Amino acid sequence: MNPKLKKMIGTVLILVFLALYAMGVVSLHGVLPKNFLLELVFFAVAGVAWGLPLFPLLAWMNREPKGPAS
């Protein structure tokens, strides 16, 4: 697959994932009890955890295309 096409597809998927992830985090926050320390830990974890599911997609986007050896 063309590297530019892979990057475009990956970018769209990242944007869709981040929008859904943000909506999920905000929705989940709504059901948590109002406690400052709990909210602090929740948003610290949620602020870092979004990157973990994106590692495979980023690896796919940046993988060199396989083709005939030149």
PDB file of N, CA and C in Angstrom:
ATOM      1  N   MET A   1       0.854  -1.181   0.000  1.00  0.00           N
ATOM      2  CA  MET A   1       0.000   0.000   0.000  1.00  0.00           C
ATOM      3  C   MET A   1       0.895   1.236   0.000  1.00  0.00           C
ATOM      4  N   ASN A   2       0.454   2.247  -0.678  1.00  0.00           N
ATOM      5  CA  ASN A   2       1.164   3.511  -0.771  1.00  0.00           C
ATOM      6  C   ASN A   2       1.331   4.115   0.634  1.00  0.00           C
ATOM      7  N   PRO A   3       2.562   4.523   1.024  1.00  0.00           N
ATOM      8  CA  PRO A   3       2.772   5.094   2.361  1.00  0.00           C
ATOM      9  C   PRO A   3       1.915   6.323   2.654  1.00  0.00           C
ATOM     10  N   LYS A   4       1.675   7.158   1.641  1.00  0.00           N
ATOM     11  CA  LYS A   4       0.841   8.345   1.870  1.00  0.00           C
ATOM     12  C   LYS A   4      -0.597   7.955   2.180  1.00  0.00           C
ATOM     13  N   LEU A   5      -1.096   6.936   1.497  1.00  0.00           N
ATOM     14  CA  LEU A   5      -2.448   6.454   1.752  1.00  0.00           C
ATOM     15  C   LEU A   5      -2.551   5.845   3.150  1.00  0.00           C
ATOM     16  N   LYS A   6      -1.528   5.083   3.553  1.00  0.00           N
ATOM     17  CA  LYS A   6      -1.520   4.504   4.894  1.00  0.00           C
ATOM     18  C   LYS A   6      -1.551   5.594   5.954  1.00  0.00           C
ATOM     19  N   LYS A   7      -0.786   6.644   5.747  1.00  0.00           N
ATOM     20  CA  LYS A   7      -0.751   7.736   6.733  1.00  0.00           C
ATOM     21  C   LYS A   7      -2.078   8.489   6.776  1.00  0.00           C
ATOM     22  N   MET A   8      -2.719   8.660   5.628  1.00  0.00           N
ATOM     23  CA  MET A   8      -4.012   9.329   5.608  1.00  0.00           C
ATOM     24  C   MET A   8      -5.063   8.481   6.335  1.00  0.00           C
ATOM     25  N   ILE A   9      -5.104   7.181   6.036  1.00  0.00           N
ATOM     26  CA  ILE A   9      -6.053   6.286   6.704  1.00  0.00           C
ATOM     27  C   ILE A   9      -5.779   6.264   8.197  1.00  0.00           C
ATOM     28  N   GLY A  10      -4.508   6.166   8.576  1.00  0.00           N
ATOM     29  CA  GLY A  10      -4.144   6.153   9.992  1.00  0.00           C
ATOM     30  C   GLY A  10      -4.535   7.430  10.705  1.00  0.00           C
ATOM     31  N   THR A  11      -4.352   8.560  10.038  1.00  0.00           N
ATOM     32  CA  THR A  11      -4.710   9.843  10.649  1.00  0.00           C
ATOM     33  C   THR A  11      -6.210   9.927  10.907  1.00  0.00           C
ATOM     34  N   VAL A  12      -7.006   9.496   9.939  1.00  0.00           N
ATOM     35  CA  VAL A  12      -8.465   9.511  10.117  1.00  0.00           C
ATOM     36  C   VAL A  12      -8.863   8.577  11.259  1.00  0.00           C
ATOM     37  N   LEU A  13      -8.261   7.382  11.316  1.00  0.00           N
ATOM     38  CA  LEU A  13      -8.584   6.439  12.386  1.00  0.00           C
ATOM     39  C   LEU A  13      -8.174   6.982  13.756  1.00  0.00           C
ATOM     40  N   ILE A  14      -7.042   7.656  13.822  1.00  0.00           N
ATOM     41  CA  ILE A  14      -6.610   8.252  15.091  1.00  0.00           C
ATOM     42  C   ILE A  14      -7.607   9.320  15.547  1.00  0.00           C
ATOM     43  N   LEU A  15      -8.033  10.176  14.629  1.00  0.00           N
ATOM     44  CA  LEU A  15      -8.987  11.234  14.994  1.00  0.00           C
ATOM     45  C   LEU A  15     -10.320  10.654  15.459  1.00  0.00           C
ATOM     46  N   VAL A  16     -10.797   9.625  14.769  1.00  0.00           N
ATOM     47  CA  VAL A  16     -12.051   8.981  15.174  1.00  0.00           C
ATOM     48  C   VAL A  16     -11.882   8.331  16.541  1.00  0.00           C
ATOM     49  N   PHE A  17     -10.779   7.606  16.741  1.00  0.00           N
ATOM     50  CA  PHE A  17     -10.534   6.960  18.028  1.00  0.00           C
ATOM     51  C   PHE A  17     -10.476   7.984  19.150  1.00  0.00           C
ATOM     52  N   LEU A  18      -9.745   9.080  18.946  1.00  0.00           N
ATOM     53  CA  LEU A  18      -9.610  10.079  20.008  1.00  0.00           C
ATOM     54  C   LEU A  18     -10.942  10.739  20.345  1.00  0.00           C
ATOM     55  N   ALA A  19     -11.774  10.980  19.341  1.00  0.00           N
ATOM     56  CA  ALA A  19     -13.095  11.558  19.617  1.00  0.00           C
ATOM     57  C   ALA A  19     -13.934  10.589  20.446  1.00  0.00           C
ATOM     58  N   LEU A  20     -13.948   9.311  20.061  1.00  0.00           N
ATOM     59  CA  LEU A  20     -14.713   8.312  20.815  1.00  0.00           C
ATOM     60  C   LEU A  20     -14.130   8.106  22.208  1.00  0.00           C
ATOM     61  N   TYR A  21     -12.812   8.106  22.317  1.00  0.00           N
ATOM     62  CA  TYR A  21     -12.155   7.928  23.608  1.00  0.00           C
ATOM     63  C   TYR A  21     -12.508   9.084  24.550  1.00  0.00           C
ATOM     64  N   ALA A  22     -12.456  10.308  24.040  1.00  0.00           N
ATOM     65  CA  ALA A  22     -12.783  11.475  24.869  1.00  0.00           C
ATOM     66  C   ALA A  22     -14.230  11.422  25.338  1.00  0.00           C
ATOM     67  N   MET A  23     -15.137  11.029  24.436  1.00  0.00           N
ATOM     68  CA  MET A  23     -16.545  10.914  24.848  1.00  0.00           C
ATOM     69  C   MET A  23     -16.712   9.833  25.907  1.00  0.00           C
ATOM     70  N   GLY A  24     -15.991   8.732  25.761  1.00  0.00           N
ATOM     71  CA  GLY A  24     -16.067   7.662  26.745  1.00  0.00           C
ATOM     72  C   GLY A  24     -15.532   8.084  28.102  1.00  0.00           C
ATOM     73  N   VAL A  25     -14.411   8.804  28.099  1.00  0.00           N
ATOM     74  CA  VAL A  25     -13.821   9.267  29.362  1.00  0.00           C
ATOM     75  C   VAL A  25     -14.759  10.243  30.065  1.00  0.00           C
ATOM     76  N   VAL A  26     -15.329  11.158  29.308  1.00  0.00           N
ATOM     77  CA  VAL A  26     -16.244  12.134  29.915  1.00  0.00           C
ATOM     78  C   VAL A  26     -17.498  11.431  30.448  1.00  0.00           C
ATOM     79  N   SER A  27     -18.004  10.447  29.708  1.00  0.00           N
ATOM     80  CA  SER A  27     -19.180   9.708  30.170  1.00  0.00           C
ATOM     81  C   SER A  27     -18.871   8.913  31.433  1.00  0.00           C
ATOM     82  N   LEU A  28     -17.718   8.263  31.444  1.00  0.00           N
ATOM     83  CA  LEU A  28     -17.328   7.490  32.622  1.00  0.00           C
ATOM     84  C   LEU A  28     -17.101   8.400  33.815  1.00  0.00           C
ATOM     85  N   HIS A  29     -16.566   9.575  33.577  1.00  0.00           N
ATOM     86  CA  HIS A  29     -16.365  10.532  34.670  1.00  0.00           C
ATOM     87  C   HIS A  29     -17.688  10.929  35.309  1.00  0.00           C
ATOM     88  N   GLY A  30     -18.741  10.955  34.508  1.00  0.00           N
ATOM     89  CA  GLY A  30     -20.047  11.345  35.039  1.00  0.00           C
ATOM     90  C   GLY A  30     -20.608  10.380  36.060  1.00  0.00           C
ATOM     91  N   VAL A  31     -20.196   9.127  36.039  1.00  0.00           N
ATOM     92  CA  VAL A  31     -20.733   8.150  36.994  1.00  0.00           C
ATOM     93  C   VAL A  31     -19.826   7.961  38.204  1.00  0.00           C
ATOM     94  N   LEU A  32     -18.650   8.575  38.197  1.00  0.00           N
ATOM     95  CA  LEU A  32     -17.752   8.454  39.342  1.00  0.00           C
ATOM     96  C   LEU A  32     -18.207   9.361  40.476  1.00  0.00           C
ATOM     97  N   PRO A  33     -17.954   8.943  41.713  1.00  0.00           N
ATOM     98  CA  PRO A  33     -18.278   9.835  42.839  1.00  0.00           C
ATOM     99  C   PRO A  33     -17.390  11.086  42.801  1.00  0.00           C
ATOM    100  N   LYS A  34     -17.927  12.170  43.301  1.00  0.00           N
ATOM    101  CA  LYS A  34     -17.193  13.443  43.300  1.00  0.00           C
ATOM    102  C   LYS A  34     -16.166  13.425  44.441  1.00  0.00           C
ATOM    103  N   ASN A  35     -14.938  13.121  44.056  1.00  0.00           N
ATOM    104  CA  ASN A  35     -13.836  13.063  45.008  1.00  0.00           C
ATOM    105  C   ASN A  35     -12.603  13.581  44.271  1.00  0.00           C
ATOM    106  N   PHE A  36     -11.956  14.583  44.840  1.00  0.00           N
ATOM    107  CA  PHE A  36     -10.844  15.229  44.157  1.00  0.00           C
ATOM    108  C   PHE A  36      -9.719  14.247  43.825  1.00  0.00           C
ATOM    109  N   LEU A  37      -9.316  13.428  44.796  1.00  0.00           N
ATOM    110  CA  LEU A  37      -8.216  12.500  44.550  1.00  0.00           C
ATOM    111  C   LEU A  37      -8.586  11.443  43.517  1.00  0.00           C
ATOM    112  N   LEU A  38      -9.822  10.959  43.565  1.00  0.00           N
ATOM    113  CA  LEU A  38     -10.275   9.980  42.576  1.00  0.00           C
ATOM    114  C   LEU A  38     -10.267  10.595  41.178  1.00  0.00           C
ATOM    115  N   GLU A  39     -10.748  11.836  41.056  1.00  0.00           N
ATOM    116  CA  GLU A  39     -10.741  12.513  39.761  1.00  0.00           C
ATOM    117  C   GLU A  39      -9.320  12.765  39.276  1.00  0.00           C
ATOM    118  N   LEU A  40      -8.423  13.096  40.190  1.00  0.00           N
ATOM    119  CA  LEU A  40      -7.038  13.337  39.826  1.00  0.00           C
ATOM    120  C   LEU A  40      -6.409  12.072  39.242  1.00  0.00           C
ATOM    121  N   VAL A  41      -6.600  10.954  39.917  1.00  0.00           N
ATOM    122  CA  VAL A  41      -6.050   9.685  39.429  1.00  0.00           C
ATOM    123  C   VAL A  41      -6.741   9.276  38.125  1.00  0.00           C
ATOM    124  N   PHE A  42      -8.057   9.423  38.063  1.00  0.00           N
ATOM    125  CA  PHE A  42      -8.810   9.037  36.877  1.00  0.00           C
ATOM    126  C   PHE A  42      -8.317   9.781  35.644  1.00  0.00           C
ATOM    127  N   PHE A  43      -8.186  11.103  35.740  1.00  0.00           N
ATOM    128  CA  PHE A  43      -7.770  11.879  34.578  1.00  0.00           C
ATOM    129  C   PHE A  43      -6.282  11.694  34.277  1.00  0.00           C
ATOM    130  N   ALA A  44      -5.476  11.399  35.279  1.00  0.00           N
ATOM    131  CA  ALA A  44      -4.064  11.101  35.011  1.00  0.00           C
ATOM    132  C   ALA A  44      -3.943   9.802  34.217  1.00  0.00           C
ATOM    133  N   VAL A  45      -4.682   8.779  34.628  1.00  0.00           N
ATOM    134  CA  VAL A  45      -4.643   7.504  33.911  1.00  0.00           C
ATOM    135  C   VAL A  45      -5.273   7.655  32.531  1.00  0.00           C
ATOM    136  N   ALA A  46      -6.428   8.300  32.444  1.00  0.00           N
ATOM    137  CA  ALA A  46      -7.109   8.472  31.154  1.00  0.00           C
ATOM    138  C   ALA A  46      -6.284   9.335  30.207  1.00  0.00           C
ATOM    139  N   GLY A  47      -5.533  10.263  30.743  1.00  0.00           N
ATOM    140  CA  GLY A  47      -4.715  11.133  29.907  1.00  0.00           C
ATOM    141  C   GLY A  47      -3.513  10.439  29.303  1.00  0.00           C
ATOM    142  N   VAL A  48      -3.094   9.333  29.896  1.00  0.00           N
ATOM    143  CA  VAL A  48      -1.953   8.582  29.385  1.00  0.00           C
ATOM    144  C   VAL A  48      -2.408   7.341  28.616  1.00  0.00           C
ATOM    145  N   ALA A  49      -3.509   6.745  29.040  1.00  0.00           N
ATOM    146  CA  ALA A  49      -3.944   5.455  28.498  1.00  0.00           C
ATOM    147  C   ALA A  49      -4.401   5.529  27.041  1.00  0.00           C
ATOM    148  N   TRP A  50      -4.729   6.691  26.533  1.00  0.00           N
ATOM    149  CA  TRP A  50      -5.207   6.771  25.150  1.00  0.00           C
ATOM    150  C   TRP A  50      -4.132   6.365  24.159  1.00  0.00           C
ATOM    151  N   GLY A  51      -2.875   6.495  24.526  1.00  0.00           N
ATOM    152  CA  GLY A  51      -1.799   6.187  23.600  1.00  0.00           C
ATOM    153  C   GLY A  51      -1.559   4.699  23.402  1.00  0.00           C
ATOM    154  N   LEU A  52      -1.863   3.897  24.398  1.00  0.00           N
ATOM    155  CA  LEU A  52      -1.576   2.460  24.302  1.00  0.00           C
ATOM    156  C   LEU A  52      -2.280   1.768  23.137  1.00  0.00           C
ATOM    157  N   PRO A  53      -3.570   1.984  22.911  1.00  0.00           N
ATOM    158  CA  PRO A  53      -4.205   1.305  21.781  1.00  0.00           C
ATOM    159  C   PRO A  53      -3.729   1.814  20.419  1.00  0.00           C
ATOM    160  N   LEU A  54      -3.070   2.958  20.390  1.00  0.00           N
ATOM    161  CA  LEU A  54      -2.628   3.519  19.111  1.00  0.00           C
ATOM    162  C   LEU A  54      -1.264   3.006  18.658  1.00  0.00           C
ATOM    163  N   PHE A  55      -0.513   2.342  19.531  1.00  0.00           N
ATOM    164  CA  PHE A  55       0.805   1.849  19.138  1.00  0.00           C
ATOM    165  C   PHE A  55       0.769   0.936  17.917  1.00  0.00           C
ATOM    166  N   PRO A  56      -0.136  -0.060  17.857  1.00  0.00           N
ATOM    167  CA  PRO A  56      -0.159  -0.905  16.656  1.00  0.00           C
ATOM    168  C   PRO A  56      -0.503  -0.122  15.383  1.00  0.00           C
ATOM    169  N   LEU A  57      -1.411   0.820  15.488  1.00  0.00           N
ATOM    170  CA  LEU A  57      -1.778   1.621  14.320  1.00  0.00           C
ATOM    171  C   LEU A  57      -0.601   2.473  13.862  1.00  0.00           C
ATOM    172  N   LEU A  58       0.100   3.085  14.795  1.00  0.00           N
ATOM    173  CA  LEU A  58       1.258   3.904  14.431  1.00  0.00           C
ATOM    174  C   LEU A  58       2.366   3.047  13.826  1.00  0.00           C
ATOM    175  N   ALA A  59       2.552   1.840  14.349  1.00  0.00           N
ATOM    176  CA  ALA A  59       3.554   0.941  13.778  1.00  0.00           C
ATOM    177  C   ALA A  59       3.170   0.567  12.351  1.00  0.00           C
ATOM    178  N   TRP A  60       1.892   0.291  12.110  1.00  0.00           N
ATOM    179  CA  TRP A  60       1.432  -0.043  10.765  1.00  0.00           C
ATOM    180  C   TRP A  60       1.629   1.134   9.815  1.00  0.00           C
ATOM    181  N   MET A  61       1.305   2.324  10.289  1.00  0.00           N
ATOM    182  CA  MET A  61       1.429   3.505   9.443  1.00  0.00           C
ATOM    183  C   MET A  61       2.878   3.750   9.015  1.00  0.00           C
ATOM    184  N   ASN A  62       3.818   3.469   9.881  1.00  0.00           N
ATOM    185  CA  ASN A  62       5.219   3.791   9.614  1.00  0.00           C
ATOM    186  C   ASN A  62       6.022   2.616   9.075  1.00  0.00           C
ATOM    187  N   ARG A  63       5.391   1.453   8.923  1.00  0.00           N
ATOM    188  CA  ARG A  63       6.082   0.290   8.387  1.00  0.00           C
ATOM    189  C   ARG A  63       6.416   0.526   6.916  1.00  0.00           C
ATOM    190  N   GLU A  64       7.626   0.145   6.543  1.00  0.00           N
ATOM    191  CA  GLU A  64       8.056   0.284   5.157  1.00  0.00           C
ATOM    192  C   GLU A  64       7.277  -0.683   4.274  1.00  0.00           C
ATOM    193  N   PRO A  65       6.896  -0.248   3.079  1.00  0.00           N
ATOM    194  CA  PRO A  65       6.168  -1.157   2.192  1.00  0.00           C
ATOM    195  C   PRO A  65       7.073  -2.299   1.737  1.00  0.00           C
ATOM    196  N   LYS A  66       6.480  -3.489   1.668  1.00  0.00           N
ATOM    197  CA  LYS A  66       7.222  -4.648   1.188  1.00  0.00           C
ATOM    198  C   LYS A  66       7.132  -4.675  -0.327  1.00  0.00           C
ATOM    199  N   GLY A  67       8.236  -4.908  -0.941  1.00  0.00           N
ATOM    200  CA  GLY A  67       8.226  -4.930  -2.386  1.00  0.00           C
ATOM    201  C   GLY A  67       9.455  -5.658  -2.909  1.00  0.00           C
ATOM    202  N   PRO A  68       9.617  -5.682  -4.207  1.00  0.00           N
ATOM    203  CA  PRO A  68      10.797  -6.352  -4.772  1.00  0.00           C
ATOM    204  C   PRO A  68      12.073  -5.634  -4.389  1.00  0.00           C
ATOM    205  N   ALA A  69      13.089  -6.404  -4.100  1.00  0.00           N
ATOM    206  CA  ALA A  69      14.393  -5.815  -3.738  1.00  0.00           C
ATOM    207  C   ALA A  69      14.986  -5.144  -4.967  1.00  0.00           C
ATOM    208  N   SER A  70      15.558  -3.971  -4.734  1.00  0.00           N
ATOM    209  CA  SER A  70      16.150  -3.254  -5.871  1.00  0.00           C
ATOM    210  C   SER A  70      17.645  -3.383  -5.894  1.00  0.00           C
TER     211      SER A  70
END
